[in-house]
């Protein structure tokens, strides 16, 4: 995790903003999927040196498109989603990225270029 980031608080922030009616096929598993998405996001940042082992800013910038693709592919594989549900998941990840940005801004963590 990045320094100053509280996963539980972020999940609550994000889940309050994601509307289940926008993701009816995934509505029953939104908390679990958002938790997995946060973990995949952090894994992307570690693997791509956006954050270092200690959670501090790394040497690379956060690339939205690459992160999005990484998260969708990881969650689709981990949850064994068929292509149709993977497309639905992509919509959820897109919403997540918007609300994650809002959360980071609310915490003063905007320097992460997330």
Protein backbone atom coordinates (compact mmCIF):
# COMPACT_ATOMS: atom_id res chain seq x y z
CA UNK A 1 0.00 0.00 0.00
CA UNK A 2 1.10 3.55 -0.54
CA UNK A 3 1.92 5.61 2.51
CA UNK A 4 -1.07 7.54 3.82
CA UNK A 5 -3.55 5.23 2.08
CA UNK A 6 -6.21 3.51 4.16
CA UNK A 7 -7.75 0.66 2.16
CA UNK A 8 -10.82 0.26 4.37
CA UNK A 9 -11.54 3.98 4.30
CA UNK A 10 -11.00 4.06 0.53
CA UNK A 11 -13.37 1.12 0.05
CA UNK A 12 -16.08 2.87 2.06
CA UNK A 13 -15.54 6.09 0.10
CA UNK A 14 -15.69 4.31 -3.26
CA UNK A 15 -18.58 1.98 -2.43
CA UNK A 16 -20.72 4.94 -1.32
CA UNK A 17 -20.32 6.41 -4.80
CA UNK A 18 -20.65 3.34 -7.02
CA UNK A 19 -24.27 2.72 -7.86
CA UNK A 20 -25.23 -0.95 -7.92
CA UNK A 21 -27.86 -0.18 -10.56
CA UNK A 22 -25.03 0.82 -12.92
CA UNK A 23 -23.49 -2.63 -12.48
CA UNK A 24 -26.45 -5.02 -12.01
CA UNK A 25 -24.54 -8.13 -13.12
CA UNK A 26 -21.85 -7.46 -10.49
CA UNK A 27 -23.96 -5.85 -7.76
CA UNK A 28 -23.84 -8.84 -5.42
CA UNK A 29 -20.06 -8.80 -5.31
CA UNK A 30 -19.22 -5.07 -5.40
CA UNK A 31 -17.38 -4.95 -2.02
CA UNK A 32 -15.25 -7.96 -2.91
CA UNK A 33 -14.53 -6.67 -6.42
CA UNK A 34 -13.56 -3.21 -5.19
CA UNK A 35 -11.24 -4.77 -2.61
CA UNK A 36 -9.64 -6.87 -5.36
CA UNK A 37 -9.41 -3.82 -7.61
CA UNK A 38 -7.57 -1.82 -4.95
CA UNK A 39 -5.17 -4.74 -4.46
CA UNK A 40 -4.63 -5.02 -8.23
CA UNK A 41 -4.08 -1.25 -8.45
CA UNK A 42 -1.45 -1.39 -5.71
CA UNK A 43 0.18 -4.42 -7.38
CA UNK A 44 0.32 -2.50 -10.66
CA UNK A 45 1.98 0.44 -8.91
CA UNK A 46 4.56 -1.79 -7.20
CA UNK A 47 5.35 -3.81 -10.32
CA UNK A 48 5.72 -0.67 -12.42
CA UNK A 49 7.75 1.26 -9.83
CA UNK A 50 5.09 3.92 -9.27
CA UNK A 51 5.51 3.18 -5.56
CA UNK A 52 8.46 1.48 -3.91
CA UNK A 53 8.54 -1.40 -1.43
CA UNK A 54 7.95 1.02 1.45
CA UNK A 55 4.91 2.65 -0.15
CA UNK A 56 6.73 5.84 -1.09
CA UNK A 57 6.68 7.45 -4.52
CA UNK A 58 8.69 5.40 -6.98
CA UNK A 59 10.62 6.29 -10.09
CA UNK A 60 7.84 5.94 -12.68
CA UNK A 61 4.53 7.65 -13.41
CA UNK A 62 1.10 6.06 -13.13
CA UNK A 63 -0.18 5.30 -16.62
CA UNK A 64 -4.00 5.23 -16.49
CA UNK A 65 -4.50 3.09 -19.58
CA UNK A 66 -1.90 0.52 -18.53
CA UNK A 67 -3.27 0.38 -14.99
CA UNK A 68 -6.83 -0.02 -16.27
CA UNK A 69 -5.85 -2.89 -18.55
CA UNK A 70 -3.81 -4.54 -15.79
CA UNK A 71 -6.68 -4.37 -13.28
CA UNK A 72 -9.34 -5.64 -15.69
CA UNK A 73 -7.19 -8.54 -16.88
CA UNK A 74 -6.18 -9.53 -13.34
CA UNK A 75 -9.71 -9.41 -11.94
CA UNK A 76 -11.22 -11.18 -14.94
CA UNK A 77 -8.65 -13.99 -14.62
CA UNK A 78 -8.84 -14.22 -10.81
CA UNK A 79 -12.64 -14.39 -10.92
CA UNK A 80 -12.79 -16.60 -14.03
CA UNK A 81 -15.10 -14.17 -15.81
CA UNK A 82 -16.34 -14.88 -19.30
CA UNK A 83 -15.78 -12.11 -21.92
CA UNK A 84 -19.26 -10.62 -21.39
CA UNK A 85 -18.78 -10.27 -17.62
CA UNK A 86 -15.23 -8.99 -18.20
CA UNK A 87 -16.70 -6.11 -20.22
CA UNK A 88 -19.08 -5.38 -17.31
CA UNK A 89 -16.09 -5.50 -14.98
CA UNK A 90 -14.27 -2.98 -17.17
CA UNK A 91 -17.11 -0.52 -16.58
CA UNK A 92 -16.79 -1.05 -12.83
CA UNK A 93 -13.01 -0.55 -12.93
CA UNK A 94 -13.54 2.67 -14.87
CA UNK A 95 -15.86 3.94 -12.12
CA UNK A 96 -13.37 2.77 -9.49
CA UNK A 97 -10.59 4.79 -11.09
CA UNK A 98 -12.69 7.97 -10.97
CA UNK A 99 -13.65 7.50 -7.33
CA UNK A 100 -10.16 6.39 -6.33
CA UNK A 101 -8.90 9.68 -7.77
CA UNK A 102 -11.50 11.56 -5.72
CA UNK A 103 -10.45 9.66 -2.60
CA UNK A 104 -6.76 10.40 -3.20
CA UNK A 105 -7.54 14.09 -3.72
CA UNK A 106 -9.63 14.17 -0.53
CA UNK A 107 -6.62 12.79 1.39
CA UNK A 108 -4.07 15.09 -0.21
CA UNK A 109 -2.43 12.19 -2.02
CA UNK A 110 -2.81 13.73 -5.48
CA UNK A 111 0.93 13.86 -6.06
CA UNK A 112 0.70 10.20 -7.03
CA UNK A 113 -0.63 11.12 -10.50
CA UNK A 114 -3.17 8.37 -10.07
